[in-house]
């Protein structure tokens, strides 16, 4: 029996005993033990629990006994490490390494969350670069700088920094379901980072590899229509993140002949859109989401359409967080639409403002202080308290759907939204995540619309406001340059809303 066969057969045996089996074994063991005396029981109940710092995987591998909080015993941990090391054995082929990785993936799929975390720790702490080689390569590079040997020294340092972990993850990607396994693994890993910094190296390695593997050069742009396979349409329903799809009639409306939906696909995930965009065609820029989602609306004459509205863009894979291909999707879709519909002149979004209401709740007092005296007086009259306090204004905004068109409350809230989208920065980038995406792609803030999304979700996110981001193909580079200087590009219409 070769090593690979031995590993494959032993995987199940290496897993810890299930809780149910443990309970049965413990019950049987307890029956054979004499009952403790009353004094012993009292001592046990009053003693403080024993606590200790979490051990490194090296300490656990060298140990004999498992601590209470540890999922895998030292014996199982050693065998699991042996199995992982066998995957990157330089003496085996890529195919064999992939086969061994598949065996680990099958074990992992049945492991408990705690056992999976132990596997992450092994990958992070036992497959790091060789510190001695890294130090020697760095010293060689520093000494060679400015000499003819600098290039050779750089190559040596690059090789020293390549960790065995990289090779391990690459071999997981060999077997057919391997890419799916790695993407799901990172999706599960990301929420654990805040409480477990020891697995940061594994997460960073995965993100770095995904940035290469999911480069747009390897992605295929495909149209998703009502004639696409039902399994693909179902995934569209599952992953829609902006405007929930409520029925098959709803999804049919979005995929009808007068609409377009495009997605990026990876060859190793052929039936799974990584990101998709939904497009509607109109004569002018949309100011409300309702007509776009109206299933009874008449079909648009595509031969006369002048404006393409991107009204929903959804990422589907949590495990690919930080891997940016959305900007490339917009560019590719614009190129495709211009080729198919030469009369199209305007490309814009109708986007949610998902973080506006939470931000507004925290900064309403600051915005009220920045409001001109005349408008503040008008606000006081509108809410019945002069001078108006934050709680008075916020209470009045609870009745937002009934406010008249010329209400000063409407004007004030639009001004706050304009400030939020056009001036608020976090780490020198737009505070709103959707704004950050589109403005980073070269768009500008064009219009802010009142009552554009009065759904419960729209009211919860932004008091029903929505925004157009305009993609002026002649000014994309200029807008990016403005963003690099910390200035958000906005239209005159939005500037006019500032206090």
Protein backbone atom coordinates (compact mmCIF):
# COMPACT_ATOMS: atom_id res chain seq x y z
CA UNK A 1 0.00 0.00 0.00
CA UNK A 2 1.50 3.37 -1.01
CA UNK A 3 1.49 6.50 1.15
CA UNK A 4 -1.44 8.05 -0.67
CA UNK A 5 -3.66 5.00 -0.24
CA UNK A 6 -2.71 4.79 3.42
CA UNK A 7 -3.60 8.46 3.94
CA UNK A 8 -6.93 8.11 2.12
CA UNK A 9 -7.96 5.10 4.19
CA UNK A 10 -6.85 6.60 7.48
CA UNK A 11 -8.55 10.00 7.16
CA UNK A 12 -11.82 8.91 8.76
CA UNK A 13 -9.99 7.12 11.53
CA UNK A 14 -8.05 10.24 12.41
CA UNK A 15 -11.13 12.29 13.13
CA UNK A 16 -12.02 12.76 16.79
CA UNK A 17 -14.81 10.63 18.20
CA UNK A 18 -18.26 12.21 17.82
CA UNK A 19 -19.91 13.84 20.82
CA UNK A 20 -22.53 11.10 20.95
CA UNK A 21 -19.87 8.37 21.02
CA UNK A 22 -17.90 10.32 23.60
CA UNK A 23 -20.98 10.56 25.79
CA UNK A 24 -21.59 6.80 25.55
CA UNK A 25 -17.97 6.05 26.35
CA UNK A 26 -18.00 8.45 29.27
CA UNK A 27 -21.20 6.91 30.66
CA UNK A 28 -19.65 3.46 30.52
CA UNK A 29 -16.46 4.70 32.16
CA UNK A 30 -18.38 6.47 34.90
CA UNK A 31 -20.30 3.30 35.71
CA UNK A 32 -17.00 1.55 36.44
CA UNK A 33 -15.64 4.34 38.64
CA UNK A 34 -16.43 4.59 42.37
CA UNK A 35 -18.63 7.50 43.33
CA UNK A 36 -16.68 10.45 44.74
CA UNK A 37 -17.06 11.34 48.39
CA UNK A 38 -19.07 14.34 49.51
CA UNK A 39 -15.90 16.22 50.41
CA UNK A 40 -14.38 15.57 47.01
CA UNK A 41 -17.55 16.77 45.29
CA UNK A 42 -17.55 19.95 47.32
CA UNK A 43 -13.91 20.63 46.49
CA UNK A 44 -14.57 20.13 42.81
CA UNK A 45 -17.53 22.52 42.76
CA UNK A 46 -15.73 25.35 44.54
CA UNK A 47 -12.39 25.18 42.76
CA UNK A 48 -11.68 27.84 40.13
CA UNK A 49 -11.61 26.55 36.55
CA UNK A 50 -8.18 25.99 35.05
CA UNK A 51 -7.46 28.39 32.19
CA UNK A 52 -4.39 28.78 30.03
CA UNK A 53 -3.26 30.61 26.91
CA UNK A 54 -3.91 28.89 23.61
CA UNK A 55 -0.98 26.72 22.57
CA UNK A 56 0.71 27.05 19.19
CA UNK A 57 0.41 24.13 16.81
CA UNK A 58 4.11 23.40 17.45
CA UNK A 59 3.45 23.06 21.18
CA UNK A 60 0.42 20.89 20.52
CA UNK A 61 2.31 18.68 18.06
CA UNK A 62 4.97 18.05 20.70
CA UNK A 63 2.41 17.34 23.43
CA UNK A 64 0.80 14.09 24.48
CA UNK A 65 -2.53 15.26 25.86
CA UNK A 66 -5.21 17.53 24.45
CA UNK A 67 -6.46 20.50 26.39
CA UNK A 68 -10.19 20.92 26.87
CA UNK A 69 -10.58 23.77 24.35
CA UNK A 70 -8.63 21.98 21.59
CA UNK A 71 -10.63 20.12 18.93
CA UNK A 72 -7.94 17.77 17.60
CA UNK A 73 -5.77 15.74 19.94
CA UNK A 74 -1.97 15.92 19.49
CA UNK A 75 -2.01 12.48 17.87
CA UNK A 76 -4.68 13.46 15.33
CA UNK A 77 -3.02 16.83 14.78
CA UNK A 78 0.27 15.10 13.93
CA UNK A 79 -1.43 12.77 11.50
CA UNK A 80 -3.34 15.64 9.88
CA UNK A 81 -0.06 17.53 9.45
CA UNK A 82 1.47 14.42 7.87
CA UNK A 83 -1.42 14.30 5.44
CA UNK A 84 -1.03 17.99 4.50
CA UNK A 85 2.73 17.58 4.07
CA UNK A 86 2.12 14.62 1.77
CA UNK A 87 0.17 16.91 -0.56
CA UNK A 88 3.25 19.08 -1.18
CA UNK A 89 5.73 16.20 -1.25
CA UNK A 90 8.19 17.20 -4.01
CA UNK A 91 8.44 13.58 -5.04
CA UNK A 92 4.82 13.33 -6.25
CA UNK A 93 3.20 14.74 -9.38
CA UNK A 94 0.67 17.55 -9.58
CA UNK A 95 -2.07 15.01 -10.27
CA UNK A 96 -1.15 12.86 -7.28
CA UNK A 97 -0.84 15.94 -5.09
CA UNK A 98 -4.29 17.01 -6.22
CA UNK A 99 -5.68 13.57 -5.42
CA UNK A 100 -4.27 13.75 -1.91
CA UNK A 101 -5.66 17.27 -1.50
CA UNK A 102 -9.08 15.97 -2.52
CA UNK A 103 -8.89 13.44 0.33
CA UNK A 104 -8.24 16.25 2.81
CA UNK A 105 -11.10 18.26 1.33
CA UNK A 106 -13.45 15.31 1.84
CA UNK A 107 -12.32 15.05 5.48
CA UNK A 108 -12.75 18.81 5.90
CA UNK A 109 -16.32 18.72 4.58
CA UNK A 110 -17.31 16.44 7.46
CA UNK A 111 -15.23 18.15 10.15
CA UNK A 112 -16.73 20.32 12.87
CA UNK A 113 -16.07 24.10 12.87
CA UNK A 114 -13.53 23.64 15.68
CA UNK A 115 -11.71 20.89 13.77
CA UNK A 116 -11.62 23.10 10.68
CA UNK A 117 -10.03 25.88 12.71
CA UNK A 118 -7.30 23.48 13.77
CA UNK A 119 -6.72 22.70 10.09
CA UNK A 120 -6.43 26.46 9.38
CA UNK A 121 -3.89 26.79 12.18
CA UNK A 122 -1.77 23.99 10.73
CA UNK A 123 -1.81 25.63 7.30
CA UNK A 124 -0.90 29.00 8.79
CA UNK A 125 1.77 28.02 11.30
CA UNK A 126 3.36 24.92 9.80
CA UNK A 127 3.72 26.01 6.16
CA UNK A 128 5.38 29.42 6.57
CA UNK A 129 8.51 30.48 4.63
CA UNK A 130 11.86 29.33 6.00
CA UNK A 131 12.92 32.23 8.24
CA UNK A 132 16.63 31.38 7.90
CA UNK A 133 16.47 31.41 4.09
CA UNK A 134 14.45 34.63 4.08
CA UNK A 135 16.99 36.36 6.34
CA UNK A 136 19.95 35.19 4.24
CA UNK A 137 18.24 36.20 1.00
CA UNK A 138 17.36 39.64 2.38
CA UNK A 139 20.94 40.26 3.53
CA UNK A 140 22.24 39.12 0.14
CA UNK A 141 19.82 41.44 -1.65
CA UNK A 142 20.72 44.44 0.52
CA UNK A 143 24.41 43.81 -0.09
CA UNK A 144 23.86 43.45 -3.84
CA UNK A 145 21.83 46.60 -4.34
CA UNK A 146 23.46 48.87 -6.92
CA UNK A 147 25.70 46.08 -8.20
CA UNK A 148 25.38 43.80 -11.27
CA UNK A 149 24.19 41.03 -8.94
CA UNK A 150 21.12 42.95 -7.78
CA UNK A 151 18.73 41.16 -10.18
CA UNK A 152 19.98 37.71 -9.16
CA UNK A 153 19.70 38.64 -5.49
CA UNK A 154 16.14 39.85 -6.00
CA UNK A 155 15.17 36.57 -7.64
CA UNK A 156 16.70 34.66 -4.73
CA UNK A 157 14.74 36.75 -2.22
CA UNK A 158 11.49 36.25 -4.15
CA UNK A 159 12.00 32.48 -4.11
CA UNK A 160 12.76 32.51 -0.39
CA UNK A 161 9.51 34.34 0.32
CA UNK A 162 7.41 31.72 -1.50
CA UNK A 163 5.97 29.63 1.31
CA UNK A 164 5.12 25.91 1.25
CA UNK A 165 1.59 27.16 1.99
CA UNK A 166 1.41 28.57 -1.52
CA UNK A 167 2.26 25.18 -2.98
CA UNK A 168 -0.25 23.50 -0.68
CA UNK A 169 -3.11 25.75 -1.81
CA UNK A 170 -2.11 25.41 -5.46
CA UNK A 171 -2.49 21.66 -5.22
CA UNK A 172 -5.94 22.01 -3.71
CA UNK A 173 -6.86 23.86 -6.91
CA UNK A 174 -5.80 20.88 -9.05
CA UNK A 175 -8.80 18.60 -8.58
CA UNK A 176 -12.08 19.64 -10.31
CA UNK A 177 -13.91 20.87 -7.20
CA UNK A 178 -10.77 22.34 -5.66
CA UNK A 179 -11.41 25.96 -6.57
CA UNK A 180 -14.89 25.78 -5.10
CA UNK A 181 -13.37 24.28 -1.95
CA UNK A 182 -10.83 27.10 -1.57
CA UNK A 183 -13.34 29.89 -2.20
CA UNK A 184 -15.70 28.40 0.38
CA UNK A 185 -12.84 27.90 2.83
CA UNK A 186 -11.92 31.60 2.67
CA UNK A 187 -15.59 32.59 3.03
CA UNK A 188 -15.69 30.59 6.26
CA UNK A 189 -12.31 31.92 7.37
CA UNK A 190 -12.98 35.66 6.97
CA UNK A 191 -15.42 36.09 9.91
CA UNK A 192 -12.96 34.32 12.20
CA UNK A 193 -10.10 36.75 11.58
CA UNK A 194 -11.12 39.27 14.24
CA UNK A 195 -10.94 36.69 16.96
CA UNK A 196 -8.02 34.66 15.62
CA UNK A 197 -5.07 36.59 14.20
CA UNK A 198 -3.08 33.36 13.94
CA UNK A 199 -4.79 32.47 10.65
CA UNK A 200 -4.12 35.83 8.96
CA UNK A 201 -1.27 34.34 6.93
CA UNK A 202 -3.57 31.70 5.41
CA UNK A 203 -6.22 34.29 4.54
CA UNK A 204 -3.65 36.62 2.97
CA UNK A 205 -2.18 33.76 0.94
CA UNK A 206 -5.62 32.84 -0.39
CA UNK A 207 -6.42 36.44 -1.34
CA UNK A 208 -3.09 36.77 -3.13
CA UNK A 209 -3.67 33.59 -5.13
CA UNK A 210 -7.26 34.53 -5.95
CA UNK A 211 -6.10 37.90 -7.27
CA UNK A 212 -4.09 36.01 -9.89
CA UNK A 213 -6.46 33.12 -10.53
CA UNK A 214 -9.48 35.39 -10.93
CA UNK A 215 -7.79 38.06 -13.02
CA UNK A 216 -10.20 39.43 -15.63
CA UNK A 217 -7.98 37.99 -18.36
CA UNK A 218 -9.24 34.55 -17.28
CA UNK A 219 -12.91 35.51 -16.90
CA UNK A 220 -15.62 35.11 -19.52
CA UNK A 221 -18.40 37.67 -19.93
CA UNK A 222 -21.68 35.88 -20.61
CA UNK A 223 -25.21 37.10 -21.03
CA UNK A 224 -27.79 35.57 -18.69
CA UNK A 225 -31.26 35.45 -20.20
CA UNK A 226 -34.60 33.78 -19.62
CA UNK A 227 -33.39 31.04 -21.99
CA UNK A 228 -30.37 30.26 -19.80
CA UNK A 229 -30.41 26.97 -17.84
CA UNK A 230 -32.85 27.00 -14.93
CA UNK A 231 -30.01 26.25 -12.49
CA UNK A 232 -28.27 29.47 -13.55
CA UNK A 233 -31.45 31.54 -13.24
CA UNK A 234 -31.96 30.11 -9.77
CA UNK A 235 -28.49 31.31 -8.79
CA UNK A 236 -29.40 34.77 -10.02
CA UNK A 237 -32.35 34.72 -7.63
CA UNK A 238 -30.15 33.42 -4.82
CA UNK A 239 -27.37 35.99 -5.18
CA UNK A 240 -29.34 39.15 -6.04
CA UNK A 241 -28.14 41.54 -3.35
CA UNK A 242 -29.63 44.93 -4.30
CA UNK A 243 -33.32 44.41 -5.09
CA UNK A 244 -34.68 41.09 -3.89
CA UNK A 245 -36.29 38.95 -6.59
CA UNK A 246 -39.78 38.13 -5.34
CA UNK A 247 -41.12 35.71 -7.93
CA UNK A 248 -40.47 33.95 -11.21
CA UNK A 249 -42.42 36.74 -12.89
CA UNK A 250 -40.01 39.22 -11.36
CA UNK A 251 -36.92 37.41 -12.60
CA UNK A 252 -38.49 36.95 -16.06
CA UNK A 253 -39.05 40.69 -16.24
CA UNK A 254 -35.38 41.34 -15.47
CA UNK A 255 -34.23 38.84 -18.09
CA UNK A 256 -36.75 39.72 -20.80
CA UNK A 257 -35.84 40.58 -24.37
CA UNK A 258 -35.77 44.32 -23.67
CA UNK A 259 -33.37 43.89 -20.74
CA UNK A 260 -29.84 42.64 -20.38
CA UNK A 261 -28.01 40.79 -17.63
CA UNK A 262 -24.32 39.95 -17.84
CA UNK A 263 -22.04 38.00 -15.55
CA UNK A 264 -18.37 37.13 -15.23
CA UNK A 265 -17.61 33.38 -15.13
CA UNK A 266 -14.42 31.50 -14.28
CA UNK A 267 -13.54 28.25 -16.14
CA UNK A 268 -13.16 26.35 -12.85
CA UNK A 269 -16.59 27.58 -11.69
CA UNK A 270 -18.37 27.39 -15.05
CA UNK A 271 -21.96 27.52 -13.78
CA UNK A 272 -21.44 30.10 -11.04
CA UNK A 273 -21.53 33.83 -11.87
CA UNK A 274 -18.89 35.65 -9.81
CA UNK A 275 -20.58 39.02 -10.28
CA UNK A 276 -23.51 40.11 -12.45
CA UNK A 277 -25.11 43.36 -13.55
CA UNK A 278 -28.73 43.98 -14.57
CA UNK A 279 -29.39 46.59 -17.27
CA UNK A 280 -32.55 48.44 -18.32
CA UNK A 281 -32.94 50.68 -21.38
CA UNK A 282 -34.66 54.07 -21.27
CA UNK A 283 -34.92 57.43 -23.00
CA UNK A 284 -33.51 59.27 -19.97
CA UNK A 285 -31.75 58.61 -16.68
CA UNK A 286 -34.03 56.72 -14.25
CA UNK A 287 -35.22 58.50 -11.11
CA UNK A 288 -37.11 55.64 -9.41
CA UNK A 289 -36.66 51.90 -9.12
CA UNK A 290 -40.39 51.09 -9.32
CA UNK A 291 -40.75 51.39 -13.15
CA UNK A 292 -37.68 49.20 -13.63
CA UNK A 293 -39.14 46.44 -11.47
CA UNK A 294 -42.71 46.78 -12.79
CA UNK A 295 -43.60 43.44 -14.35
CA UNK A 296 -46.59 44.97 -16.21
CA UNK A 297 -44.58 47.75 -17.87
CA UNK A 298 -44.52 47.79 -21.67
CA UNK A 299 -41.42 46.50 -23.40
CA UNK A 300 -38.88 49.11 -24.48
CA UNK A 301 -38.08 49.60 -28.16
CA UNK A 302 -34.37 48.83 -28.10
CA UNK A 303 -33.82 50.45 -31.49
CA UNK A 304 -34.72 53.83 -29.97
CA UNK A 305 -33.16 53.52 -26.51
CA UNK A 306 -30.54 56.15 -25.72
CA UNK A 307 -29.75 55.38 -22.08
CA UNK A 308 -28.54 52.21 -20.36
CA UNK A 309 -29.25 52.03 -16.63
CA UNK A 310 -27.25 49.65 -14.43
CA UNK A 311 -29.73 49.13 -11.62
CA UNK A 312 -28.27 46.14 -9.82
CA UNK A 313 -24.71 44.86 -9.43
CA UNK A 314 -24.22 41.84 -7.16
CA UNK A 315 -21.10 39.98 -6.07
CA UNK A 316 -21.88 36.34 -5.42
CA UNK A 317 -18.81 34.88 -3.69
CA UNK A 318 -17.96 36.00 -0.16
CA UNK A 319 -14.71 34.08 -0.45
CA UNK A 320 -13.55 36.45 -3.21
CA UNK A 321 -13.86 39.56 -1.05
CA UNK A 322 -11.10 42.00 -1.94
CA UNK A 323 -10.65 40.56 -5.43
CA UNK A 324 -11.76 43.40 -7.70
CA UNK A 325 -13.32 42.65 -11.05
CA UNK A 326 -16.43 44.82 -10.86
CA UNK A 327 -14.82 47.75 -12.67
CA UNK A 328 -13.81 45.46 -15.51
CA UNK A 329 -17.36 44.11 -15.67
CA UNK A 330 -18.77 47.62 -16.18
CA UNK A 331 -16.23 48.39 -18.91
CA UNK A 332 -16.86 45.12 -20.75
CA UNK A 333 -20.62 45.54 -20.54
CA UNK A 334 -20.43 49.11 -21.85
CA UNK A 335 -18.30 47.92 -24.78
CA UNK A 336 -20.78 45.11 -25.52
CA UNK A 337 -23.81 47.41 -25.33
CA UNK A 338 -22.23 50.05 -27.56
CA UNK A 339 -21.49 47.41 -30.18
CA UNK A 340 -25.03 45.97 -30.03
CA UNK A 341 -26.92 49.28 -29.70
CA UNK A 342 -25.07 52.13 -31.45
CA UNK A 343 -27.70 54.73 -30.42
CA UNK A 344 -26.86 54.38 -26.74
CA UNK A 345 -25.21 57.60 -25.55
CA UNK A 346 -25.67 57.61 -21.78
CA UNK A 347 -24.51 54.99 -19.28
CA UNK A 348 -25.57 55.49 -15.68
CA UNK A 349 -26.65 53.63 -12.58
CA UNK A 350 -29.65 53.88 -10.31
CA UNK A 351 -27.96 52.88 -7.08
CA UNK A 352 -28.89 52.45 -3.43
CA UNK A 353 -27.12 54.44 -0.72
CA UNK A 354 -26.83 51.53 1.72
CA UNK A 355 -24.91 53.21 4.54
CA UNK A 356 -26.56 56.63 4.46
CA UNK A 357 -29.21 56.16 7.16
CA UNK A 358 -26.79 54.62 9.72
CA UNK A 359 -24.31 57.44 9.02
CA UNK A 360 -27.08 60.04 9.23
CA UNK A 361 -28.22 58.67 12.58
CA UNK A 362 -24.72 59.25 13.97
CA UNK A 363 -24.11 62.65 12.37
CA UNK A 364 -27.52 64.34 12.26
CA UNK A 365 -26.54 66.74 15.07
CA UNK A 366 -23.43 67.81 13.17
CA UNK A 367 -25.43 68.34 9.99
CA UNK A 368 -28.04 70.35 11.88
CA UNK A 369 -25.31 72.61 13.27
CA UNK A 370 -23.95 73.13 9.74
CA UNK A 371 -27.41 74.06 8.39
CA UNK A 372 -27.81 77.76 7.47
CA UNK A 373 -29.81 79.78 9.99
CA UNK A 374 -32.66 80.46 7.56
CA UNK A 375 -33.16 76.76 6.78
CA UNK A 376 -32.85 75.83 10.46
CA UNK A 377 -35.64 78.28 11.27
CA UNK A 378 -37.78 76.74 8.54
CA UNK A 379 -37.05 73.28 9.93
CA UNK A 380 -38.15 74.44 13.37
CA UNK A 381 -41.47 75.66 12.00
CA UNK A 382 -41.95 72.42 10.06
CA UNK A 383 -41.42 70.20 13.11
CA UNK A 384 -43.10 72.55 15.60
CA UNK A 385 -40.05 73.24 17.76
CA UNK A 386 -37.83 76.31 17.54
CA UNK A 387 -34.93 75.91 17.58
CA UNK A 388 -35.27 72.33 16.30
CA UNK A 389 -33.33 69.58 18.07
CA UNK A 390 -32.12 66.37 16.43
CA UNK A 391 -34.86 64.28 18.02
CA UNK A 392 -37.54 66.61 16.60
CA UNK A 393 -36.18 66.35 13.07
CA UNK A 394 -35.61 62.59 13.25
CA UNK A 395 -39.17 62.07 14.52
CA UNK A 396 -40.57 64.11 11.63
CA UNK A 397 -38.56 62.03 9.14
CA UNK A 398 -40.36 58.91 10.35
CA UNK A 399 -43.29 60.22 8.27
CA UNK A 400 -41.06 60.60 5.25
CA UNK A 401 -43.49 59.07 2.74
CA UNK A 402 -46.13 61.73 3.47
CA UNK A 403 -43.93 64.82 3.27
CA UNK A 404 -45.07 67.30 0.57
CA UNK A 405 -42.81 67.95 -2.41
CA UNK A 406 -41.76 71.43 -1.24
CA UNK A 407 -41.13 70.36 2.35
CA UNK A 408 -38.00 71.88 3.87
CA UNK A 409 -37.38 68.50 5.52
CA UNK A 410 -37.04 66.94 2.09
CA UNK A 411 -34.62 69.63 0.98
CA UNK A 412 -32.60 69.31 4.16
CA UNK A 413 -32.33 65.51 3.93
CA UNK A 414 -31.27 65.76 0.26
CA UNK A 415 -28.59 68.24 1.34
CA UNK A 416 -27.36 65.81 3.99
CA UNK A 417 -27.22 63.03 1.39
CA UNK A 418 -25.30 65.29 -1.02
CA UNK A 419 -22.78 66.03 1.72
CA UNK A 420 -22.50 62.32 2.55
CA UNK A 421 -21.89 61.28 -1.06
CA UNK A 422 -19.85 64.26 -2.18
CA UNK A 423 -17.73 65.17 0.84
CA UNK A 424 -17.58 62.37 3.42
CA UNK A 425 -14.34 60.37 3.21
CA UNK A 426 -13.08 57.43 5.25
CA UNK A 427 -9.39 56.65 4.85
CA UNK A 428 -9.35 59.13 1.95
CA UNK A 429 -12.05 57.17 0.10
CA UNK A 430 -15.83 57.73 -0.17
CA UNK A 431 -17.56 56.53 2.98
CA UNK A 432 -20.44 54.84 1.16
CA UNK A 433 -19.41 51.40 -0.23
CA UNK A 434 -21.42 51.69 -3.45
CA UNK A 435 -20.09 55.20 -4.05
CA UNK A 436 -16.58 53.89 -3.43
CA UNK A 437 -17.07 51.28 -6.15
CA UNK A 438 -18.50 53.51 -8.87
CA UNK A 439 -16.41 56.61 -8.16
CA UNK A 440 -13.30 54.42 -8.12
CA UNK A 441 -14.26 53.32 -11.64
CA UNK A 442 -14.39 56.92 -12.90
CA UNK A 443 -18.09 57.72 -12.52
CA UNK A 444 -19.44 60.89 -10.90
CA UNK A 445 -22.34 61.58 -8.55
CA UNK A 446 -25.02 62.86 -10.96
CA UNK A 447 -28.47 63.08 -9.27
CA UNK A 448 -29.97 62.22 -5.89
CA UNK A 449 -33.63 61.21 -6.03
CA UNK A 450 -36.29 61.53 -3.33
CA UNK A 451 -38.60 58.55 -2.78
CA UNK A 452 -36.81 56.47 -5.40
CA UNK A 453 -37.02 53.27 -3.34
CA UNK A 454 -39.85 53.20 -0.79
CA UNK A 455 -39.50 49.49 -0.08
CA UNK A 456 -38.80 48.54 3.55
CA UNK A 457 -35.18 47.90 2.57
CA UNK A 458 -34.86 51.25 0.79
CA UNK A 459 -36.33 53.16 3.74
CA UNK A 460 -34.10 51.26 6.16
CA UNK A 461 -30.94 51.97 4.17
CA UNK A 462 -31.40 55.55 2.99
CA UNK A 463 -34.85 56.97 3.88
CA UNK A 464 -35.87 55.95 0.34
CA UNK A 465 -33.20 58.00 -1.47
CA UNK A 466 -31.30 56.66 -4.47
CA UNK A 467 -28.50 58.10 -6.59
CA UNK A 468 -27.36 58.09 -10.22
CA UNK A 469 -23.68 57.59 -10.93
CA UNK A 470 -22.90 58.73 -14.47
CA UNK A 471 -20.24 56.99 -16.55
CA UNK A 472 -19.11 59.74 -18.93
CA UNK A 473 -16.72 57.75 -21.11
CA UNK A 474 -14.76 60.89 -22.02
CA UNK A 475 -14.09 61.87 -18.40
CA UNK A 476 -13.39 58.61 -16.60
CA UNK A 477 -9.66 59.27 -16.29
CA UNK A 478 -10.24 62.85 -15.13
CA UNK A 479 -12.62 61.66 -12.43
CA UNK A 480 -10.13 59.04 -11.25
CA UNK A 481 -7.48 61.74 -11.01
CA UNK A 482 -9.83 63.84 -8.89
CA UNK A 483 -10.42 60.88 -6.59
CA UNK A 484 -6.66 60.39 -6.24
CA UNK A 485 -6.50 63.99 -5.00
CA UNK A 486 -9.24 63.36 -2.44
CA UNK A 487 -11.92 65.28 -4.35
CA UNK A 488 -15.18 63.51 -5.21
CA UNK A 489 -16.54 64.34 -8.70
CA UNK A 490 -20.14 65.55 -8.51
CA UNK A 491 -22.51 67.26 -10.93
CA UNK A 492 -23.75 70.83 -10.62
CA UNK A 493 -27.14 69.45 -9.59
CA UNK A 494 -25.57 67.73 -6.55
CA UNK A 495 -23.41 70.74 -5.71
CA UNK A 496 -26.59 72.79 -5.61
CA UNK A 497 -27.86 70.66 -2.72
CA UNK A 498 -24.92 71.51 -0.44
CA UNK A 499 -25.70 73.78 2.52
